Amino acid sequence: MKKSIFSILLIFSGALSLSAQEFKVITSVESIVSSGLGRSRIIDGNEEKDYAEFTSTQTEDDNTRNKSKRDEIRVKDFDETKLLNFFNIGGIRFQNIAANDAIITSKINAMVADGWELAFVTSAVESDGGKGDSSGIFITRYIFKR
């Protein structure tokens, strides 16, 4: 009897912990701009936003647009950690990449120490890619949960 009560309590507490997860997104933006002119950062927003406040339903018969102002969507309270650019005047700078890796690793370790678990990582590159293109960004989103 005691084992079955313990098992039920264990299952119930496990179910509660699964439903009480929260997620946090940290973004690194690394500049791909020649001559080191770009800006590279880790961005960690400190404000929470409710997506529903900025969502509208569009239909074929509805020509009205979402009236939300951009200022209401913007997050003005965030941490910005400086990173180095991939390029300098001499071209690609491998020391900068190693330095960024060390800083990003430090951020991930700090998040884990605060009880977050790295759940997903996704990245992309944006660049015009046209003739003579020398600019773009390499963006990575680190999705944590706890």
C-alpha atoms as a PDB file:
ATOM      1  CA  MET A   1       0.000   0.000   0.000  1.00  0.00           C
ATOM      2  CA  LYS A   2       2.795   2.397   0.945  1.00  0.00           C
ATOM      3  CA  LYS A   3       4.590   1.628  -2.334  1.00  0.00           C
ATOM      4  CA  SER A   4       1.507   2.365  -4.404  1.00  0.00           C
ATOM      5  CA  ILE A   5       0.905   5.716  -2.625  1.00  0.00           C
ATOM      6  CA  PHE A   6       4.565   6.626  -3.113  1.00  0.00           C
ATOM      7  CA  SER A   7       4.334   5.686  -6.804  1.00  0.00           C
ATOM      8  CA  ILE A   8       1.215   7.805  -7.301  1.00  0.00           C
ATOM      9  CA  LEU A   9       2.847  10.794  -5.580  1.00  0.00           C
ATOM     10  CA  LEU A  10       5.977  10.366  -7.682  1.00  0.00           C
ATOM     11  CA  ILE A  11       3.970  10.250 -10.922  1.00  0.00           C
ATOM     12  CA  PHE A  12       1.864  13.244  -9.859  1.00  0.00           C
ATOM     13  CA  SER A  13       4.917  15.352  -8.981  1.00  0.00           C
ATOM     14  CA  GLY A  14       6.549  14.390 -12.290  1.00  0.00           C
ATOM     15  CA  ALA A  15       3.445  15.481 -14.189  1.00  0.00           C
ATOM     16  CA  LEU A  16       3.421  18.825 -12.377  1.00  0.00           C
ATOM     17  CA  SER A  17       7.068  19.501 -13.164  1.00  0.00           C
ATOM     18  CA  LEU A  18       6.516  18.779 -16.870  1.00  0.00           C
ATOM     19  CA  SER A  19       3.685  21.265 -17.133  1.00  0.00           C
ATOM     20  CA  ALA A  20       5.610  23.967 -15.285  1.00  0.00           C
ATOM     21  CA  GLN A  21       8.418  24.380 -17.829  1.00  0.00           C
ATOM     22  CA  GLU A  22       9.542  27.774 -18.972  1.00  0.00           C
ATOM     23  CA  PHE A  23      11.710  28.660 -21.931  1.00  0.00           C
ATOM     24  CA  LYS A  24      14.204  31.446 -22.576  1.00  0.00           C
ATOM     25  CA  VAL A  25      15.859  32.453 -25.837  1.00  0.00           C
ATOM     26  CA  ILE A  26      19.360  33.934 -25.964  1.00  0.00           C
ATOM     27  CA  THR A  27      20.577  35.191 -29.356  1.00  0.00           C
ATOM     28  CA  SER A  28      24.096  35.727 -30.613  1.00  0.00           C
ATOM     29  CA  VAL A  29      24.576  37.934 -33.662  1.00  0.00           C
ATOM     30  CA  GLU A  30      28.019  37.799 -35.236  1.00  0.00           C
ATOM     31  CA  SER A  31      28.840  40.292 -37.938  1.00  0.00           C
ATOM     32  CA  ILE A  32      30.043  39.226 -41.361  1.00  0.00           C
ATOM     33  CA  VAL A  33      31.155  42.666 -42.516  1.00  0.00           C
ATOM     34  CA  SER A  34      34.560  43.289 -44.031  1.00  0.00           C
ATOM     35  CA  SER A  35      37.049  45.577 -42.289  1.00  0.00           C
ATOM     36  CA  GLY A  36      35.528  44.839 -38.882  1.00  0.00           C
ATOM     37  CA  LEU A  37      32.864  47.526 -39.264  1.00  0.00           C
ATOM     38  CA  GLY A  38      29.947  45.383 -38.057  1.00  0.00           C
ATOM     39  CA  ARG A  39      28.614  44.841 -34.534  1.00  0.00           C
ATOM     40  CA  SER A  40      28.532  41.448 -32.847  1.00  0.00           C
ATOM     41  CA  ARG A  41      26.622  40.791 -29.629  1.00  0.00           C
ATOM     42  CA  ILE A  42      24.862  38.295 -27.376  1.00  0.00           C
ATOM     43  CA  ILE A  43      21.348  39.557 -26.624  1.00  0.00           C
ATOM     44  CA  ASP A  44      19.452  38.430 -23.512  1.00  0.00           C
ATOM     45  CA  GLY A  45      16.044  40.062 -23.067  1.00  0.00           C
ATOM     46  CA  ASN A  46      14.963  40.793 -19.509  1.00  0.00           C
ATOM     47  CA  GLU A  47      11.344  41.681 -20.294  1.00  0.00           C
ATOM     48  CA  GLU A  48       8.582  39.204 -20.895  1.00  0.00           C
ATOM     49  CA  LYS A  49       6.064  39.816 -23.649  1.00  0.00           C
ATOM     50  CA  ASP A  50       2.725  38.156 -24.328  1.00  0.00           C
ATOM     51  CA  TYR A  51       2.585  37.315 -28.024  1.00  0.00           C
ATOM     52  CA  ALA A  52      -1.238  37.465 -27.894  1.00  0.00           C
ATOM     53  CA  GLU A  53      -1.108  41.227 -27.361  1.00  0.00           C
ATOM     54  CA  PHE A  54       0.533  41.620 -30.776  1.00  0.00           C
ATOM     55  CA  THR A  55      -1.429  38.994 -32.712  1.00  0.00           C
ATOM     56  CA  SER A  56      -4.407  39.611 -34.956  1.00  0.00           C
ATOM     57  CA  THR A  57      -6.397  37.242 -37.114  1.00  0.00           C
ATOM     58  CA  GLN A  58      -6.458  38.063 -40.809  1.00  0.00           C
ATOM     59  CA  THR A  59      -9.235  36.903 -43.088  1.00  0.00           C
ATOM     60  CA  GLU A  60     -10.010  37.426 -46.781  1.00  0.00           C
ATOM     61  CA  ASP A  61     -12.836  39.798 -45.897  1.00  0.00           C
ATOM     62  CA  ASP A  62     -10.797  41.781 -43.378  1.00  0.00           C
ATOM     63  CA  ASN A  63      -8.685  44.561 -44.837  1.00  0.00           C
ATOM     64  CA  THR A  64      -7.752  46.060 -41.477  1.00  0.00           C
ATOM     65  CA  ARG A  65      -4.198  45.662 -40.306  1.00  0.00           C
ATOM     66  CA  ASN A  66      -2.849  44.968 -36.863  1.00  0.00           C
ATOM     67  CA  LYS A  67      -2.822  48.329 -35.098  1.00  0.00           C
ATOM     68  CA  SER A  68      -0.029  47.421 -32.658  1.00  0.00           C
ATOM     69  CA  LYS A  69       2.675  50.025 -32.485  1.00  0.00           C
ATOM     70  CA  ARG A  70       6.241  48.895 -32.865  1.00  0.00           C
ATOM     71  CA  ASP A  71       7.191  50.732 -29.676  1.00  0.00           C
ATOM     72  CA  GLU A  72       4.869  48.450 -27.712  1.00  0.00           C
ATOM     73  CA  ILE A  73       6.582  45.359 -29.110  1.00  0.00           C
ATOM     74  CA  ARG A  74      10.159  46.538 -28.562  1.00  0.00           C
ATOM     75  CA  VAL A  75      12.044  45.272 -25.537  1.00  0.00           C
ATOM     76  CA  LYS A  76      14.109  48.029 -23.980  1.00  0.00           C
ATOM     77  CA  ASP A  77      15.398  46.056 -20.999  1.00  0.00           C
ATOM     78  CA  PHE A  78      18.020  43.586 -22.198  1.00  0.00           C
ATOM     79  CA  ASP A  79      21.607  42.551 -21.566  1.00  0.00           C
ATOM     80  CA  GLU A  80      24.032  43.100 -24.423  1.00  0.00           C
ATOM     81  CA  THR A  81      27.345  41.223 -24.321  1.00  0.00           C
ATOM     82  CA  LYS A  82      29.956  42.382 -26.796  1.00  0.00           C
ATOM     83  CA  LEU A  83      31.471  39.894 -29.196  1.00  0.00           C
ATOM     84  CA  LEU A  84      34.202  40.362 -31.773  1.00  0.00           C
ATOM     85  CA  ASN A  85      33.517  40.528 -35.509  1.00  0.00           C
ATOM     86  CA  PHE A  86      34.536  37.642 -37.757  1.00  0.00           C
ATOM     87  CA  PHE A  87      36.506  39.948 -40.039  1.00  0.00           C
ATOM     88  CA  ASN A  88      39.013  42.743 -39.674  1.00  0.00           C
ATOM     89  CA  ILE A  89      40.942  44.676 -42.312  1.00  0.00           C
ATOM     90  CA  GLY A  90      43.151  41.620 -42.950  1.00  0.00           C
ATOM     91  CA  GLY A  91      40.195  39.274 -43.528  1.00  0.00           C
ATOM     92  CA  ILE A  92      38.764  36.479 -41.402  1.00  0.00           C
ATOM     93  CA  ARG A  93      40.077  36.572 -37.849  1.00  0.00           C
ATOM     94  CA  PHE A  94      40.234  33.123 -36.224  1.00  0.00           C
ATOM     95  CA  GLN A  95      41.266  34.590 -32.869  1.00  0.00           C
ATOM     96  CA  ASN A  96      37.990  36.515 -32.838  1.00  0.00           C
ATOM     97  CA  ILE A  97      36.023  33.332 -33.466  1.00  0.00           C
ATOM     98  CA  ALA A  98      37.855  31.586 -30.594  1.00  0.00           C
ATOM     99  CA  ALA A  99      37.203  34.581 -28.316  1.00  0.00           C
ATOM    100  CA  ASN A 100      33.482  34.557 -29.218  1.00  0.00           C
ATOM    101  CA  ASP A 101      33.313  30.813 -28.541  1.00  0.00           C
ATOM    102  CA  ALA A 102      34.792  31.386 -25.083  1.00  0.00           C
ATOM    103  CA  ILE A 103      32.303  34.169 -24.277  1.00  0.00           C
ATOM    104  CA  ILE A 104      29.316  32.196 -25.593  1.00  0.00           C
ATOM    105  CA  THR A 105      30.467  29.146 -23.610  1.00  0.00           C
ATOM    106  CA  SER A 106      30.690  31.316 -20.496  1.00  0.00           C
ATOM    107  CA  LYS A 107      27.093  32.539 -21.066  1.00  0.00           C
ATOM    108  CA  ILE A 108      25.821  28.989 -21.561  1.00  0.00           C
ATOM    109  CA  ASN A 109      27.632  27.825 -18.413  1.00  0.00           C
ATOM    110  CA  ALA A 110      26.120  30.720 -16.428  1.00  0.00           C
ATOM    111  CA  MET A 111      22.639  29.821 -17.678  1.00  0.00           C
ATOM    112  CA  VAL A 112      23.145  26.167 -16.713  1.00  0.00           C
ATOM    113  CA  ALA A 113      24.406  27.228 -13.274  1.00  0.00           C
ATOM    114  CA  ASP A 114      21.161  29.230 -12.890  1.00  0.00           C
ATOM    115  CA  GLY A 115      19.123  26.078 -13.461  1.00  0.00           C
ATOM    116  CA  TRP A 116      18.515  26.346 -17.215  1.00  0.00           C
ATOM    117  CA  GLU A 117      19.065  23.439 -19.602  1.00  0.00           C
ATOM    118  CA  LEU A 118      20.151  24.049 -23.189  1.00  0.00           C
ATOM    119  CA  ALA A 119      17.302  22.466 -25.154  1.00  0.00           C
ATOM    120  CA  PHE A 120      17.809  23.586 -28.761  1.00  0.00           C
ATOM    121  CA  VAL A 121      20.246  25.566 -30.887  1.00  0.00           C
ATOM    122  CA  THR A 122      19.387  26.972 -34.284  1.00  0.00           C
ATOM    123  CA  SER A 123      21.435  29.208 -36.535  1.00  0.00           C
ATOM    124  CA  ALA A 124      21.310  30.968 -39.868  1.00  0.00           C
ATOM    125  CA  VAL A 125      23.278  33.302 -42.089  1.00  0.00           C
ATOM    126  CA  GLU A 126      21.797  36.372 -43.732  1.00  0.00           C
ATOM    127  CA  SER A 127      23.584  37.964 -46.619  1.00  0.00           C
ATOM    128  CA  ASP A 128      22.650  39.743 -49.819  1.00  0.00           C
ATOM    129  CA  GLY A 129      25.044  37.522 -51.733  1.00  0.00           C
ATOM    130  CA  GLY A 130      25.093  39.809 -54.734  1.00  0.00           C
ATOM    131  CA  LYS A 131      28.159  40.927 -56.648  1.00  0.00           C
ATOM    132  CA  GLY A 132      30.700  42.427 -54.286  1.00  0.00           C
ATOM    133  CA  ASP A 133      28.606  41.615 -51.210  1.00  0.00           C
ATOM    134  CA  SER A 134      30.695  41.918 -48.104  1.00  0.00           C
ATOM    135  CA  SER A 135      28.106  42.071 -45.373  1.00  0.00           C
ATOM    136  CA  GLY A 136      25.707  39.917 -43.446  1.00  0.00           C
ATOM    137  CA  ILE A 137      25.120  38.352 -40.063  1.00  0.00           C
ATOM    138  CA  PHE A 138      25.499  34.930 -38.533  1.00  0.00           C
ATOM    139  CA  ILE A 139      22.717  34.528 -35.969  1.00  0.00           C
ATOM    140  CA  THR A 140      22.342  31.738 -33.431  1.00  0.00           C
ATOM    141  CA  ARG A 141      19.428  31.231 -31.075  1.00  0.00           C
ATOM    142  CA  TYR A 142      20.041  29.237 -27.908  1.00  0.00           C
ATOM    143  CA  ILE A 143      16.765  27.966 -26.442  1.00  0.00           C
ATOM    144  CA  PHE A 144      16.906  27.060 -22.765  1.00  0.00           C
ATOM    145  CA  LYS A 145      14.287  25.408 -20.577  1.00  0.00           C
ATOM    146  CA  ARG A 146      13.762  24.746 -16.908  1.00  0.00           C
END
